Amino acid sequence: MQINGNTILITGGGSGIGRALAEAFLANGNHVVIAGRRKKLLDETISANPGMKAALLDIENREAMGSFAEQLKKDFPALNVVIHNAGIMRPESLPDGTTADAEATIATNLLGPIRLTAALLPFLLKQPKAAIMTVSSGLAFVPMATTPSYCATKAALHSYTQSLRYQLRDTSVQVLELIPPYVQTELTGPRQASDPNAMPLEDFIAETMDIIKTRPDMTEICVERVKALRLAEANGDYDAFFKKFNDAMTAATAERWQGKRLGAGSVQ
């Protein structure tokens, strides 16, 4: 993927990783359009970044996808890059027997990117150079048991991305996957944004942009801090790694998750 000269759509671009990516790509000489369901965040972001554009999109709303895509193509005919960043992460107690959070997570994190790709792909295929970037997570490779549906959607998104890349191998559309580690955003609430155990957002974006700039043909963008998760199975002794990881995460997040029901945030 080229680092500049693109017209880029970033879903979930009003906060967290999405906003930081939007600002970084804008600074590198791209036209950037951010999309999301929270108008206030979109307005604040474009107000702070002259030249950036915004479009309202409820990624869960299946019926709105077609009209959104048509308006986007009309307003931004040079659109050639889509970054699927919008997502939610909610804790779930599986013995409770409820599925509302799981269904919302699947609709946002998995069906949203699939539907938007389907709506825009014929248009992107007409561009001389185009790219689709999905944003998965290190938790796609080692799930955190307290957020089962989030991890499952990210694993599915990784699989979907691989298939999409193969099917588009002889076209002008490059398919990439950004795999973040635990990053200082408000994905799981305000405390995460200052958690010293999380990677500073500024550092994550700087390393990500450097990889894109220096290795434009890279298909998986992995900063160093996510490689322990990405390569856990390949490195052997996965079961022990999984247990140690989840024992540590359960202890560290027990207080944070108490009684909380989380809304949409920046994907990790």
Protein backbone atom coordinates (compact mmCIF):
# COMPACT_ATOMS: atom_id res chain seq x y z
CA MET A 1 0.00 0.00 0.00
CA GLN A 2 1.35 3.41 -0.91
CA ILE A 3 1.74 5.83 1.99
CA ASN A 4 0.36 8.91 0.22
CA GLY A 5 -1.76 10.08 -2.69
CA ASN A 6 -4.80 8.01 -1.66
CA THR A 7 -8.41 8.82 -0.88
CA ILE A 8 -9.07 6.75 2.24
CA LEU A 9 -12.24 5.77 4.08
CA ILE A 10 -11.67 4.82 7.74
CA THR A 11 -14.61 3.43 9.69
CA GLY A 12 -14.67 4.12 13.41
CA GLY A 13 -12.50 7.13 12.63
CA GLY A 14 -13.75 9.42 15.37
CA SER A 15 -11.68 8.00 18.22
CA GLY A 16 -8.86 5.69 19.25
CA ILE A 17 -6.89 3.83 16.62
CA GLY A 18 -9.25 4.97 13.85
CA ARG A 19 -8.76 8.66 14.58
CA ALA A 20 -5.02 8.25 15.04
CA LEU A 21 -4.72 6.45 11.70
CA ALA A 22 -6.84 9.12 10.01
CA GLU A 23 -4.60 11.89 11.33
CA ALA A 24 -1.44 10.03 10.35
CA PHE A 25 -2.63 9.36 6.80
CA LEU A 26 -3.81 12.96 6.44
CA ALA A 27 -0.38 14.20 7.53
CA ASN A 28 1.22 11.97 4.90
CA GLY A 29 -0.61 13.60 2.02
CA ASN A 30 -3.82 11.61 1.67
CA HIS A 31 -7.45 12.66 1.41
CA VAL A 32 -9.19 11.09 4.42
CA VAL A 33 -12.86 10.41 5.08
CA ILE A 34 -13.82 9.13 8.52
CA ALA A 35 -17.08 7.31 9.15
CA GLY A 36 -18.89 6.39 12.34
CA ARG A 37 -22.20 6.44 14.16
CA ARG A 38 -21.34 9.16 16.69
CA LYS A 39 -21.66 12.54 14.98
CA LYS A 40 -20.16 14.45 17.90
CA LEU A 41 -16.89 12.53 17.70
CA LEU A 42 -16.75 12.87 13.93
CA ASP A 43 -17.33 16.62 14.15
CA GLU A 44 -14.65 17.03 16.82
CA THR A 45 -12.16 15.07 14.74
CA ILE A 46 -12.65 16.95 11.48
CA SER A 47 -12.69 20.27 13.33
CA ALA A 48 -9.24 19.47 14.68
CA ASN A 49 -7.99 18.28 11.29
CA PRO A 50 -8.68 20.77 8.47
CA GLY A 51 -9.25 19.00 5.17
CA MET A 52 -10.56 15.79 6.70
CA LYS A 53 -14.12 14.78 5.78
CA ALA A 54 -16.74 12.78 7.67
CA ALA A 55 -19.76 10.63 6.88
CA LEU A 56 -22.30 9.11 9.27
CA LEU A 57 -22.48 5.31 9.20
CA ASP A 58 -24.10 2.87 11.59
CA ILE A 59 -22.02 -0.17 10.68
CA GLU A 60 -24.64 -2.46 12.26
CA ASN A 61 -27.40 -1.17 9.99
CA ARG A 62 -27.60 -3.56 7.07
CA GLU A 63 -30.23 -1.49 5.28
CA ALA A 64 -28.08 1.65 5.29
CA MET A 65 -25.02 0.09 3.70
CA GLY A 66 -26.08 0.35 0.08
CA SER A 67 -27.12 4.01 0.23
CA PHE A 68 -23.99 4.88 2.21
CA ALA A 69 -21.77 3.27 -0.42
CA GLU A 70 -23.56 5.00 -3.28
CA GLN A 71 -23.27 8.41 -1.64
CA LEU A 72 -19.63 7.78 -0.84
CA LYS A 73 -18.81 6.94 -4.45
CA LYS A 74 -20.62 10.06 -5.62
CA ASP A 75 -18.92 12.38 -3.12
CA PHE A 76 -15.44 10.82 -3.37
CA PRO A 77 -14.93 9.38 -6.86
CA ALA A 78 -11.19 8.93 -6.25
CA LEU A 79 -11.79 6.65 -3.24
CA ASN A 80 -9.25 3.84 -3.47
CA VAL A 81 -8.58 2.67 0.11
CA VAL A 82 -10.97 1.32 2.74
CA ILE A 83 -9.81 0.67 6.31
CA HIS A 84 -12.27 -1.44 8.32
CA ASN A 85 -11.59 -0.17 11.82
CA ALA A 86 -15.01 0.20 13.50
CA GLY A 87 -15.71 -2.26 16.27
CA ILE A 88 -16.88 -2.96 19.79
CA MET A 89 -15.50 -5.09 22.61
CA ARG A 90 -17.79 -6.26 25.41
CA PRO A 91 -17.27 -8.69 28.29
CA GLU A 92 -19.57 -11.70 28.29
CA SER A 93 -20.47 -14.26 30.92
CA LEU A 94 -21.36 -17.27 28.81
CA PRO A 95 -23.18 -19.17 31.60
CA ASP A 96 -25.72 -16.31 31.68
CA GLY A 97 -27.23 -17.70 28.49
CA THR A 98 -27.73 -14.29 26.83
CA THR A 99 -26.65 -13.39 23.28
CA ALA A 100 -27.40 -9.66 22.85
CA ASP A 101 -23.77 -8.60 23.22
CA ALA A 102 -22.56 -11.42 21.00
CA GLU A 103 -25.01 -10.50 18.24
CA ALA A 104 -24.10 -6.80 18.37
CA THR A 105 -20.40 -7.68 18.27
CA ILE A 106 -20.81 -9.97 15.28
CA ALA A 107 -22.90 -7.38 13.41
CA THR A 108 -20.37 -4.62 14.02
CA ASN A 109 -17.00 -6.38 13.89
CA LEU A 110 -17.62 -9.00 11.22
CA LEU A 111 -20.78 -8.42 9.20
CA GLY A 112 -20.04 -4.69 8.97
CA PRO A 113 -16.72 -5.13 7.13
CA ILE A 114 -18.12 -7.93 4.97
CA ARG A 115 -21.12 -5.86 3.89
CA LEU A 116 -19.13 -2.69 3.28
CA THR A 117 -16.54 -4.59 1.26
CA ALA A 118 -19.29 -6.12 -0.88
CA ALA A 119 -20.85 -2.70 -1.45
CA LEU A 120 -17.59 -0.99 -2.44
CA LEU A 121 -15.52 -3.73 -4.07
CA PRO A 122 -16.88 -3.34 -7.65
CA PHE A 123 -15.98 0.37 -7.41
CA LEU A 124 -12.51 -0.29 -5.97
CA LEU A 125 -11.74 -2.81 -8.71
CA LYS A 126 -12.05 -0.01 -11.25
CA GLN A 127 -9.31 2.03 -9.59
CA PRO A 128 -5.74 1.70 -10.97
CA LYS A 129 -4.43 1.05 -7.44
CA ALA A 130 -6.59 0.25 -4.44
CA ALA A 131 -6.38 -1.37 -1.03
CA ILE A 132 -8.61 -2.86 1.63
CA MET A 133 -7.24 -3.00 5.16
CA THR A 134 -8.97 -4.93 7.92
CA VAL A 135 -8.12 -4.25 11.55
CA SER A 136 -8.15 -7.47 13.53
CA SER A 137 -6.35 -8.01 16.85
CA GLY A 138 -3.68 -10.05 18.55
CA LEU A 139 -6.67 -11.62 20.31
CA ALA A 140 -7.62 -13.25 17.01
CA PHE A 141 -4.72 -15.64 17.64
CA VAL A 142 -4.90 -16.06 21.42
CA PRO A 143 -8.43 -15.26 22.62
CA MET A 144 -9.13 -13.52 25.90
CA ALA A 145 -11.84 -15.65 27.47
CA THR A 146 -13.68 -12.73 29.07
CA THR A 147 -14.50 -11.29 25.62
CA PRO A 148 -15.28 -14.42 23.60
CA SER A 149 -17.35 -12.91 20.79
CA TYR A 150 -14.90 -10.07 20.21
CA CYS A 151 -12.03 -12.54 19.85
CA ALA A 152 -14.11 -14.84 17.67
CA THR A 153 -15.02 -12.00 15.30
CA LYS A 154 -11.40 -10.97 15.00
CA ALA A 155 -10.36 -14.55 14.24
CA ALA A 156 -13.10 -14.72 11.62
CA LEU A 157 -12.01 -11.37 10.17
CA HIS A 158 -8.47 -12.70 9.85
CA SER A 159 -9.75 -15.73 7.97
CA TYR A 160 -12.01 -13.60 5.77
CA THR A 161 -9.07 -11.32 4.96
CA GLN A 162 -6.95 -14.24 3.83
CA SER A 163 -9.69 -15.46 1.50
CA LEU A 164 -10.33 -11.96 0.15
CA ARG A 165 -6.62 -11.51 -0.52
CA TYR A 166 -6.46 -14.77 -2.45
CA GLN A 167 -9.55 -14.03 -4.52
CA LEU A 168 -8.20 -10.56 -5.41
CA ARG A 169 -4.63 -11.72 -6.04
CA ASP A 170 -4.73 -10.86 -9.76
CA THR A 171 -6.53 -7.52 -9.41
CA SER A 172 -5.53 -3.94 -8.62
CA VAL A 173 -6.80 -4.27 -5.03
CA GLN A 174 -4.24 -5.08 -2.35
CA VAL A 175 -5.59 -6.67 0.85
CA LEU A 176 -3.85 -5.98 4.16
CA GLU A 177 -4.49 -6.81 7.79
CA LEU A 178 -3.48 -4.59 10.69
CA ILE A 179 -3.06 -6.63 13.88
CA PRO A 180 -2.89 -4.37 16.97
CA PRO A 181 -1.77 -5.43 20.43
CA TYR A 182 -3.31 -3.99 23.61
CA VAL A 183 -3.18 -0.23 22.92
CA GLN A 184 -3.95 2.83 25.04
CA THR A 185 -7.44 3.68 23.73
CA GLU A 186 -10.88 3.77 25.36
CA LEU A 187 -12.02 0.54 23.72
CA THR A 188 -12.75 -1.04 27.10
CA GLY A 189 -13.31 2.23 28.94
CA PRO A 190 -11.34 5.33 30.02
CA ARG A 191 -8.89 3.39 32.20
CA GLN A 192 -7.39 1.62 29.20
CA ALA A 193 -6.26 4.94 27.73
CA SER A 194 -3.76 5.37 30.57
CA ASP A 195 -3.01 1.73 31.36
CA PRO A 196 0.79 1.38 31.58
CA ASN A 197 0.46 -2.22 30.38
CA ALA A 198 -0.96 -1.03 27.07
CA MET A 199 1.13 0.23 24.16
CA PRO A 200 0.97 4.02 23.85
CA LEU A 201 -1.26 4.90 20.90
CA GLU A 202 1.29 7.32 19.47
CA ASP A 203 3.98 4.60 19.47
CA PHE A 204 1.64 2.08 17.85
CA ILE A 205 0.71 4.47 15.04
CA ALA A 206 4.33 5.51 14.45
CA GLU A 207 5.48 1.89 14.14
CA THR A 208 2.50 0.99 11.95
CA MET A 209 3.08 3.88 9.55
CA ASP A 210 6.77 3.04 9.36
CA ILE A 211 5.93 -0.53 8.32
CA ILE A 212 3.54 0.72 5.64
CA LYS A 213 6.13 3.19 4.37
CA THR A 214 9.13 0.86 4.32
CA ARG A 215 7.36 -2.40 3.43
CA PRO A 216 4.49 -1.44 1.08
CA ASP A 217 3.93 -5.04 -0.02
CA MET A 218 3.46 -6.33 3.54
CA THR A 219 0.16 -8.19 3.93
CA GLU A 220 0.10 -8.43 7.74
CA ILE A 221 1.13 -5.36 9.71
CA CYS A 222 2.40 -6.50 13.10
CA VAL A 223 4.22 -4.22 15.51
CA GLU A 224 6.73 -5.95 17.75
CA ARG A 225 4.45 -5.99 20.79
CA VAL A 226 1.80 -8.13 19.11
CA LYS A 227 4.11 -10.84 17.81
CA ALA A 228 3.94 -12.96 20.98
CA LEU A 229 0.20 -13.39 20.35
CA ARG A 230 0.41 -13.66 16.57
CA LEU A 231 3.08 -16.35 16.73
CA ALA A 232 1.94 -18.18 19.88
CA GLU A 233 0.77 -21.30 18.10
CA ALA A 234 3.76 -21.41 15.75
CA ASN A 235 6.12 -21.07 18.70
CA GLY A 236 4.71 -24.22 20.33
CA ASP A 237 3.16 -24.99 23.73
CA TYR A 238 0.03 -23.02 22.84
CA ASP A 239 -2.14 -24.51 25.59
CA ALA A 240 0.23 -23.38 28.33
CA PHE A 241 0.52 -19.93 26.74
CA PHE A 242 -3.26 -19.63 26.49
CA LYS A 243 -3.77 -20.53 30.16
CA LYS A 244 -1.01 -18.23 31.43
CA PHE A 245 -2.29 -15.36 29.29
CA ASN A 246 -5.91 -15.76 30.38
CA ASP A 247 -5.05 -16.24 34.04
CA ALA A 248 -3.13 -12.95 33.91
CA MET A 249 -5.82 -11.11 31.94
CA THR A 250 -8.61 -12.31 34.22
CA ALA A 251 -6.77 -11.05 37.29
CA ALA A 252 -5.83 -7.73 35.68
CA THR A 253 -9.24 -6.93 34.24
CA ALA A 254 -11.59 -8.18 36.98
CA GLU A 255 -11.95 -4.76 38.58
CA ARG A 256 -12.20 -2.91 35.28
CA TRP A 257 -15.06 -5.03 33.97
CA GLN A 258 -17.17 -5.02 37.15
CA GLY A 259 -20.72 -4.21 36.22
CA LYS A 260 -19.78 -2.46 32.97
CA ARG A 261 -21.61 -2.72 29.70
CA LEU A 262 -19.43 -1.18 27.02
CA GLY A 263 -20.46 0.64 23.86
CA ALA A 264 -18.66 1.14 20.52
CA GLY A 265 -15.04 2.10 20.50
CA SER A 266 -11.88 1.90 18.50
CA VAL A 267 -10.97 -1.53 17.31
CA GLN A 268 -8.10 -3.53 18.68
